[in-house]
């Protein structure tokens, strides 16, 4: 279901939009812009969450990587 969103623009901008309405679907352009902006904001939020989670981890004990590789090679 769709919702209506409205906002004000300066009169001269609205006049210029009218001038190009046959070349540009302003509604679609604005919908696409808003969707992309929200996608970027959500990605930024997710990146911050992941970064915070990584910084809160304690890491692995010294030598863990080498012993894990040895186990994999030996088939254990």
PDB file of N, CA and C in Angstrom:
ATOM      1  N   UNK A   1       0.837  -1.176   0.000  1.00  0.00           N
ATOM      2  CA  UNK A   1       0.000   0.000   0.000  1.00  0.00           C
ATOM      3  C   UNK A   1       0.882   1.240   0.000  1.00  0.00           C
ATOM      4  N   UNK A   2       0.485   2.212  -0.720  1.00  0.00           N
ATOM      5  CA  UNK A   2       1.264   3.445  -0.837  1.00  0.00           C
ATOM      6  C   UNK A   2       0.745   4.505   0.125  1.00  0.00           C
ATOM      7  N   UNK A   3       1.638   5.393   0.478  1.00  0.00           N
ATOM      8  CA  UNK A   3       1.319   6.548   1.311  1.00  0.00           C
ATOM      9  C   UNK A   3       1.678   7.803   0.534  1.00  0.00           C
ATOM     10  N   UNK A   4       1.044   8.897   0.870  1.00  0.00           N
ATOM     11  CA  UNK A   4       1.360  10.173   0.233  1.00  0.00           C
ATOM     12  C   UNK A   4       2.308  10.946   1.125  1.00  0.00           C
ATOM     13  N   UNK A   5       3.368  11.475   0.520  1.00  0.00           N
ATOM     14  CA  UNK A   5       4.333  12.321   1.213  1.00  0.00           C
ATOM     15  C   UNK A   5       4.392  13.630   0.436  1.00  0.00           C
ATOM     16  N   UNK A   6       4.348  14.730   1.144  1.00  0.00           N
ATOM     17  CA  UNK A   6       4.453  16.009   0.445  1.00  0.00           C
ATOM     18  C   UNK A   6       5.483  16.875   1.140  1.00  0.00           C
ATOM     19  N   UNK A   7       6.058  17.799   0.392  1.00  0.00           N
ATOM     20  CA  UNK A   7       7.038  18.726   0.942  1.00  0.00           C
ATOM     21  C   UNK A   7       7.056  19.981   0.099  1.00  0.00           C
ATOM     22  N   UNK A   8       7.575  21.023   0.676  1.00  0.00           N
ATOM     23  CA  UNK A   8       7.612  22.306  -0.017  1.00  0.00           C
ATOM     24  C   UNK A   8       8.952  22.486  -0.734  1.00  0.00           C
ATOM     25  N   UNK A   9       8.857  23.133  -1.882  1.00  0.00           N
ATOM     26  CA  UNK A   9      10.053  23.531  -2.633  1.00  0.00           C
ATOM     27  C   UNK A   9       9.863  24.995  -3.020  1.00  0.00           C
ATOM     28  N   UNK A  10      10.954  25.703  -3.269  1.00  0.00           N
ATOM     29  CA  UNK A  10      10.826  27.097  -3.706  1.00  0.00           C
ATOM     30  C   UNK A  10      10.033  27.177  -5.021  1.00  0.00           C
ATOM     31  N   UNK A  11       9.304  28.256  -5.181  1.00  0.00           N
ATOM     32  CA  UNK A  11       8.444  28.446  -6.358  1.00  0.00           C
ATOM     33  C   UNK A  11       9.226  28.291  -7.661  1.00  0.00           C
ATOM     34  N   UNK A  12      10.420  28.909  -7.734  1.00  0.00           N
ATOM     35  CA  UNK A  12      11.177  28.819  -8.988  1.00  0.00           C
ATOM     36  C   UNK A  12      11.596  27.384  -9.308  1.00  0.00           C
ATOM     37  N   UNK A  13      11.852  26.592  -8.287  1.00  0.00           N
ATOM     38  CA  UNK A  13      12.188  25.188  -8.513  1.00  0.00           C
ATOM     39  C   UNK A  13      10.970  24.446  -9.055  1.00  0.00           C
ATOM     40  N   UNK A  14       9.828  24.686  -8.472  1.00  0.00           N
ATOM     41  CA  UNK A  14       8.591  24.060  -8.946  1.00  0.00           C
ATOM     42  C   UNK A  14       8.314  24.436 -10.403  1.00  0.00           C
ATOM     43  N   UNK A  15       8.559  25.687 -10.758  1.00  0.00           N
ATOM     44  CA  UNK A  15       8.352  26.125 -12.142  1.00  0.00           C
ATOM     45  C   UNK A  15       9.302  25.401 -13.095  1.00  0.00           C
ATOM     46  N   UNK A  16      10.535  25.230 -12.655  1.00  0.00           N
ATOM     47  CA  UNK A  16      11.497  24.496 -13.492  1.00  0.00           C
ATOM     48  C   UNK A  16      11.105  23.027 -13.614  1.00  0.00           C
ATOM     49  N   UNK A  17      10.593  22.448 -12.539  1.00  0.00           N
ATOM     50  CA  UNK A  17      10.123  21.060 -12.596  1.00  0.00           C
ATOM     51  C   UNK A  17       8.990  20.924 -13.609  1.00  0.00           C
ATOM     52  N   UNK A  18       8.063  21.880 -13.606  1.00  0.00           N
ATOM     53  CA  UNK A  18       6.963  21.877 -14.568  1.00  0.00           C
ATOM     54  C   UNK A  18       7.483  21.936 -16.002  1.00  0.00           C
ATOM     55  N   UNK A  19       8.522  22.735 -16.202  1.00  0.00           N
ATOM     56  CA  UNK A  19       9.093  22.903 -17.536  1.00  0.00           C
ATOM     57  C   UNK A  19       9.617  21.570 -18.088  1.00  0.00           C
ATOM     58  N   UNK A  20      10.130  20.709 -17.201  1.00  0.00           N
ATOM     59  CA  UNK A  20      10.732  19.448 -17.644  1.00  0.00           C
ATOM     60  C   UNK A  20       9.882  18.220 -17.333  1.00  0.00           C
ATOM     61  N   UNK A  21       8.612  18.411 -16.969  1.00  0.00           N
ATOM     62  CA  UNK A  21       7.778  17.278 -16.573  1.00  0.00           C
ATOM     63  C   UNK A  21       7.562  16.269 -17.694  1.00  0.00           C
ATOM     64  N   UNK A  22       7.700  16.691 -18.959  1.00  0.00           N
ATOM     65  CA  UNK A  22       7.556  15.758 -20.065  1.00  0.00           C
ATOM     66  C   UNK A  22       8.800  14.888 -20.247  1.00  0.00           C
ATOM     67  N   UNK A  23       9.913  15.292 -19.635  1.00  0.00           N
ATOM     68  CA  UNK A  23      11.176  14.550 -19.764  1.00  0.00           C
ATOM     69  C   UNK A  23      11.532  13.760 -18.514  1.00  0.00           C
ATOM     70  N   UNK A  24      10.991  14.179 -17.373  1.00  0.00           N
ATOM     71  CA  UNK A  24      11.360  13.539 -16.107  1.00  0.00           C
ATOM     72  C   UNK A  24      10.106  13.188 -15.321  1.00  0.00           C
ATOM     73  N   UNK A  25      10.039  11.944 -14.873  1.00  0.00           N
ATOM     74  CA  UNK A  25       8.969  11.515 -13.986  1.00  0.00           C
ATOM     75  C   UNK A  25       9.431  11.850 -12.566  1.00  0.00           C
ATOM     76  N   UNK A  26       9.034  13.013 -12.078  1.00  0.00           N
ATOM     77  CA  UNK A  26       9.527  13.505 -10.793  1.00  0.00           C
ATOM     78  C   UNK A  26       9.163  12.581  -9.636  1.00  0.00           C
ATOM     79  N   UNK A  27       7.983  12.011  -9.665  1.00  0.00           N
ATOM     80  CA  UNK A  27       7.569  11.101  -8.599  1.00  0.00           C
ATOM     81  C   UNK A  27       8.489   9.888  -8.522  1.00  0.00           C
ATOM     82  N   UNK A  28       8.747   9.285  -9.674  1.00  0.00           N
ATOM     83  CA  UNK A  28       9.616   8.101  -9.700  1.00  0.00           C
ATOM     84  C   UNK A  28      11.033   8.476  -9.277  1.00  0.00           C
ATOM     85  N   UNK A  29      11.524   9.603  -9.781  1.00  0.00           N
ATOM     86  CA  UNK A  29      12.867  10.052  -9.433  1.00  0.00           C
ATOM     87  C   UNK A  29      13.013  10.222  -7.922  1.00  0.00           C
ATOM     88  N   UNK A  30      12.027  10.860  -7.306  1.00  0.00           N
ATOM     89  CA  UNK A  30      12.085  11.077  -5.857  1.00  0.00           C
ATOM     90  C   UNK A  30      11.931   9.764  -5.081  1.00  0.00           C
ATOM     91  N   UNK A  31      11.043   8.884  -5.532  1.00  0.00           N
ATOM     92  CA  UNK A  31      10.896   7.574  -4.875  1.00  0.00           C
ATOM     93  C   UNK A  31      12.204   6.797  -4.926  1.00  0.00           C
ATOM     94  N   UNK A  32      12.824   6.767  -6.109  1.00  0.00           N
ATOM     95  CA  UNK A  32      14.094   6.051  -6.272  1.00  0.00           C
ATOM     96  C   UNK A  32      15.190   6.660  -5.395  1.00  0.00           C
ATOM     97  N   UNK A  33      15.241   7.989  -5.355  1.00  0.00           N
ATOM     98  CA  UNK A  33      16.240   8.663  -4.538  1.00  0.00           C
ATOM     99  C   UNK A  33      16.048   8.317  -3.064  1.00  0.00           C
ATOM    100  N   UNK A  34      14.809   8.381  -2.592  1.00  0.00           N
ATOM    101  CA  UNK A  34      14.538   8.086  -1.186  1.00  0.00           C
ATOM    102  C   UNK A  34      14.870   6.632  -0.848  1.00  0.00           C
ATOM    103  N   UNK A  35      14.505   5.718  -1.725  1.00  0.00           N
ATOM    104  CA  UNK A  35      14.800   4.301  -1.489  1.00  0.00           C
ATOM    105  C   UNK A  35      16.307   4.068  -1.401  1.00  0.00           C
ATOM    106  N   UNK A  36      17.069   4.682  -2.290  1.00  0.00           N
ATOM    107  CA  UNK A  36      18.530   4.521  -2.290  1.00  0.00           C
ATOM    108  C   UNK A  36      19.147   5.145  -1.035  1.00  0.00           C
ATOM    109  N   UNK A  37      18.657   6.315  -0.650  1.00  0.00           N
ATOM    110  CA  UNK A  37      19.176   6.977   0.549  1.00  0.00           C
ATOM    111  C   UNK A  37      18.915   6.126   1.791  1.00  0.00           C
ATOM    112  N   UNK A  38      17.735   5.557   1.894  1.00  0.00           N
ATOM    113  CA  UNK A  38      17.414   4.695   3.028  1.00  0.00           C
ATOM    114  C   UNK A  38      18.279   3.445   3.007  1.00  0.00           C
ATOM    115  N   UNK A  39      18.491   2.868   1.819  1.00  0.00           N
ATOM    116  CA  UNK A  39      19.356   1.681   1.708  1.00  0.00           C
ATOM    117  C   UNK A  39      20.762   1.996   2.213  1.00  0.00           C
ATOM    118  N   UNK A  40      21.287   3.160   1.847  1.00  0.00           N
ATOM    119  CA  UNK A  40      22.627   3.556   2.294  1.00  0.00           C
ATOM    120  C   UNK A  40      22.674   3.796   3.803  1.00  0.00           C
ATOM    121  N   UNK A  41      21.644   4.412   4.352  1.00  0.00           N
ATOM    122  CA  UNK A  41      21.596   4.652   5.797  1.00  0.00           C
ATOM    123  C   UNK A  41      21.516   3.334   6.568  1.00  0.00           C
ATOM    124  N   UNK A  42      20.725   2.388   6.073  1.00  0.00           N
ATOM    125  CA  UNK A  42      20.627   1.076   6.723  1.00  0.00           C
ATOM    126  C   UNK A  42      21.950   0.328   6.639  1.00  0.00           C
ATOM    127  N   UNK A  43      22.626   0.418   5.495  1.00  0.00           N
ATOM    128  CA  UNK A  43      23.932  -0.228   5.349  1.00  0.00           C
ATOM    129  C   UNK A  43      24.935   0.374   6.332  1.00  0.00           C
ATOM    130  N   UNK A  44      24.898   1.692   6.488  1.00  0.00           N
ATOM    131  CA  UNK A  44      25.784   2.368   7.431  1.00  0.00           C
ATOM    132  C   UNK A  44      25.504   1.919   8.865  1.00  0.00           C
ATOM    133  N   UNK A  45      24.225   1.807   9.227  1.00  0.00           N
ATOM    134  CA  UNK A  45      23.850   1.320  10.551  1.00  0.00           C
ATOM    135  C   UNK A  45      24.352  -0.098  10.775  1.00  0.00           C
ATOM    136  N   UNK A  46      24.148  -0.960   9.777  1.00  0.00           N
ATOM    137  CA  UNK A  46      24.596  -2.350   9.895  1.00  0.00           C
ATOM    138  C   UNK A  46      26.107  -2.437  10.033  1.00  0.00           C
ATOM    139  N   UNK A  47      26.827  -1.614   9.296  1.00  0.00           N
ATOM    140  CA  UNK A  47      28.283  -1.607   9.380  1.00  0.00           C
ATOM    141  C   UNK A  47      28.738  -1.196  10.780  1.00  0.00           C
ATOM    142  N   UNK A  48      28.069  -0.197  11.353  1.00  0.00           N
ATOM    143  CA  UNK A  48      28.406   0.235  12.713  1.00  0.00           C
ATOM    144  C   UNK A  48      28.142  -0.876  13.721  1.00  0.00           C
ATOM    145  N   UNK A  49      27.011  -1.600  13.558  1.00  0.00           N
ATOM    146  CA  UNK A  49      26.692  -2.713  14.461  1.00  0.00           C
ATOM    147  C   UNK A  49      27.755  -3.801  14.373  1.00  0.00           C
ATOM    148  N   UNK A  50      28.132  -4.147  13.150  1.00  0.00           N
ATOM    149  CA  UNK A  50      29.140  -5.193  12.953  1.00  0.00           C
ATOM    150  C   UNK A  50      30.475  -4.748  13.521  1.00  0.00           C
ATOM    151  N   UNK A  51      30.841  -3.514  13.283  1.00  0.00           N
ATOM    152  CA  UNK A  51      32.101  -2.984  13.803  1.00  0.00           C
ATOM    153  C   UNK A  51      32.109  -3.034  15.327  1.00  0.00           C
ATOM    154  N   UNK A  52      30.980  -2.646  15.936  1.00  0.00           N
ATOM    155  CA  UNK A  52      30.865  -2.691  17.392  1.00  0.00           C
ATOM    156  C   UNK A  52      30.985  -4.126  17.899  1.00  0.00           C
ATOM    157  N   UNK A  53      30.334  -5.065  17.214  1.00  0.00           N
ATOM    158  CA  UNK A  53      30.401  -6.474  17.615  1.00  0.00           C
ATOM    159  C   UNK A  53      31.831  -6.996  17.522  1.00  0.00           C
ATOM    160  N   UNK A  54      32.530  -6.634  16.462  1.00  0.00           N
ATOM    161  CA  UNK A  54      33.917  -7.085  16.292  1.00  0.00           C
ATOM    162  C   UNK A  54      34.805  -6.515  17.384  1.00  0.00           C
ATOM    163  N   UNK A  55      34.602  -5.235  17.702  1.00  0.00           N
ATOM    164  CA  UNK A  55      35.450  -4.619  18.723  1.00  0.00           C
ATOM    165  C   UNK A  55      35.178  -5.185  20.120  1.00  0.00           C
ATOM    166  N   UNK A  56      33.993  -5.752  20.323  1.00  0.00           N
ATOM    167  CA  UNK A  56      33.653  -6.330  21.624  1.00  0.00           C
ATOM    168  C   UNK A  56      34.138  -7.764  21.784  1.00  0.00           C
ATOM    169  N   UNK A  57      34.575  -8.381  20.699  1.00  0.00           N
ATOM    170  CA  UNK A  57      35.083  -9.752  20.819  1.00  0.00           C
ATOM    171  C   UNK A  57      36.478  -9.726  21.421  1.00  0.00           C
ATOM    172  N   UNK A  58      36.801 -10.774  22.126  1.00  0.00           N
ATOM    173  CA  UNK A  58      38.089 -10.821  22.830  1.00  0.00           C
ATOM    174  C   UNK A  58      39.222 -11.338  21.955  1.00  0.00           C
ATOM    175  N   UNK A  59      38.885 -11.873  20.808  1.00  0.00           N
ATOM    176  CA  UNK A  59      39.930 -12.403  19.940  1.00  0.00           C
ATOM    177  C   UNK A  59      40.173 -13.874  20.231  1.00  0.00           C
ATOM    178  N   UNK A  60      41.264 -14.379  19.746  1.00  0.00           N
ATOM    179  CA  UNK A  60      41.601 -15.791  19.944  1.00  0.00           C
ATOM    180  C   UNK A  60      42.938 -15.889  20.661  1.00  0.00           C
ATOM    181  N   UNK A  61      43.138 -16.992  21.377  1.00  0.00           N
ATOM    182  CA  UNK A  61      44.414 -17.144  22.082  1.00  0.00           C
ATOM    183  C   UNK A  61      45.588 -17.253  21.115  1.00  0.00           C
ATOM    184  N   UNK A  62      46.736 -16.857  21.591  1.00  0.00           N
ATOM    185  CA  UNK A  62      47.963 -16.920  20.791  1.00  0.00           C
ATOM    186  C   UNK A  62      48.226 -18.356  20.346  1.00  0.00           C
ATOM    187  N   UNK A  63      48.522 -18.541  19.076  1.00  0.00           N
ATOM    188  CA  UNK A  63      48.814 -19.859  18.528  1.00  0.00           C
ATOM    189  C   UNK A  63      47.587 -20.613  18.032  1.00  0.00           C
ATOM    190  N   UNK A  64      46.422 -20.061  18.198  1.00  0.00           N
ATOM    191  CA  UNK A  64      45.187 -20.737  17.793  1.00  0.00           C
ATOM    192  C   UNK A  64      45.175 -21.024  16.293  1.00  0.00           C
ATOM    193  N   UNK A  65      45.553 -20.039  15.505  1.00  0.00           N
ATOM    194  CA  UNK A  65      45.518 -20.205  14.049  1.00  0.00           C
ATOM    195  C   UNK A  65      46.442 -21.328  13.595  1.00  0.00           C
ATOM    196  N   UNK A  66      47.652 -21.320  14.116  1.00  0.00           N
ATOM    197  CA  UNK A  66      48.626 -22.346  13.721  1.00  0.00           C
ATOM    198  C   UNK A  66      48.131 -23.736  14.122  1.00  0.00           C
ATOM    199  N   UNK A  67      47.587 -23.863  15.328  1.00  0.00           N
ATOM    200  CA  UNK A  67      47.118 -25.187  15.766  1.00  0.00           C
ATOM    201  C   UNK A  67      45.891 -25.623  14.958  1.00  0.00           C
ATOM    202  N   UNK A  68      45.054 -24.697  14.580  1.00  0.00           N
ATOM    203  CA  UNK A  68      43.879 -25.041  13.761  1.00  0.00           C
ATOM    204  C   UNK A  68      44.303 -25.527  12.386  1.00  0.00           C
ATOM    205  N   UNK A  69      45.289 -24.871  11.811  1.00  0.00           N
ATOM    206  CA  UNK A  69      45.786 -25.292  10.497  1.00  0.00           C
ATOM    207  C   UNK A  69      46.402 -26.676  10.592  1.00  0.00           C
ATOM    208  N   UNK A  70      47.188 -26.897  11.649  1.00  0.00           N
ATOM    209  CA  UNK A  70      47.792 -28.220  11.848  1.00  0.00           C
ATOM    210  C   UNK A  70      46.725 -29.300  11.954  1.00  0.00           C
ATOM    211  N   UNK A  71      45.658 -29.031  12.728  1.00  0.00           N
ATOM    212  CA  UNK A  71      44.571 -29.987  12.870  1.00  0.00           C
ATOM    213  C   UNK A  71      43.926 -30.289  11.530  1.00  0.00           C
ATOM    214  N   UNK A  72      43.691 -29.262  10.738  1.00  0.00           N
ATOM    215  CA  UNK A  72      43.071 -29.467   9.422  1.00  0.00           C
ATOM    216  C   UNK A  72      43.974 -30.317   8.531  1.00  0.00           C
ATOM    217  N   UNK A  73      45.261 -30.053   8.558  1.00  0.00           N
ATOM    218  CA  UNK A  73      46.199 -30.814   7.715  1.00  0.00           C
ATOM    219  C   UNK A  73      46.295 -32.260   8.153  1.00  0.00           C
ATOM    220  N   UNK A  74      46.246 -32.475   9.466  1.00  0.00           N
ATOM    221  CA  UNK A  74      46.361 -33.836   9.995  1.00  0.00           C
ATOM    222  C   UNK A  74      45.042 -34.602   9.935  1.00  0.00           C
ATOM    223  N   UNK A  75      43.945 -33.907   9.634  1.00  0.00           N
ATOM    224  CA  UNK A  75      42.666 -34.573   9.491  1.00  0.00           C
ATOM    225  C   UNK A  75      41.946 -34.826  10.803  1.00  0.00           C
ATOM    226  N   UNK A  76      42.253 -34.092  11.826  1.00  0.00           N
ATOM    227  CA  UNK A  76      41.577 -34.309  13.121  1.00  0.00           C
ATOM    228  C   UNK A  76      40.305 -33.556  13.220  1.00  0.00           C
TER     229      UNK A  76
END
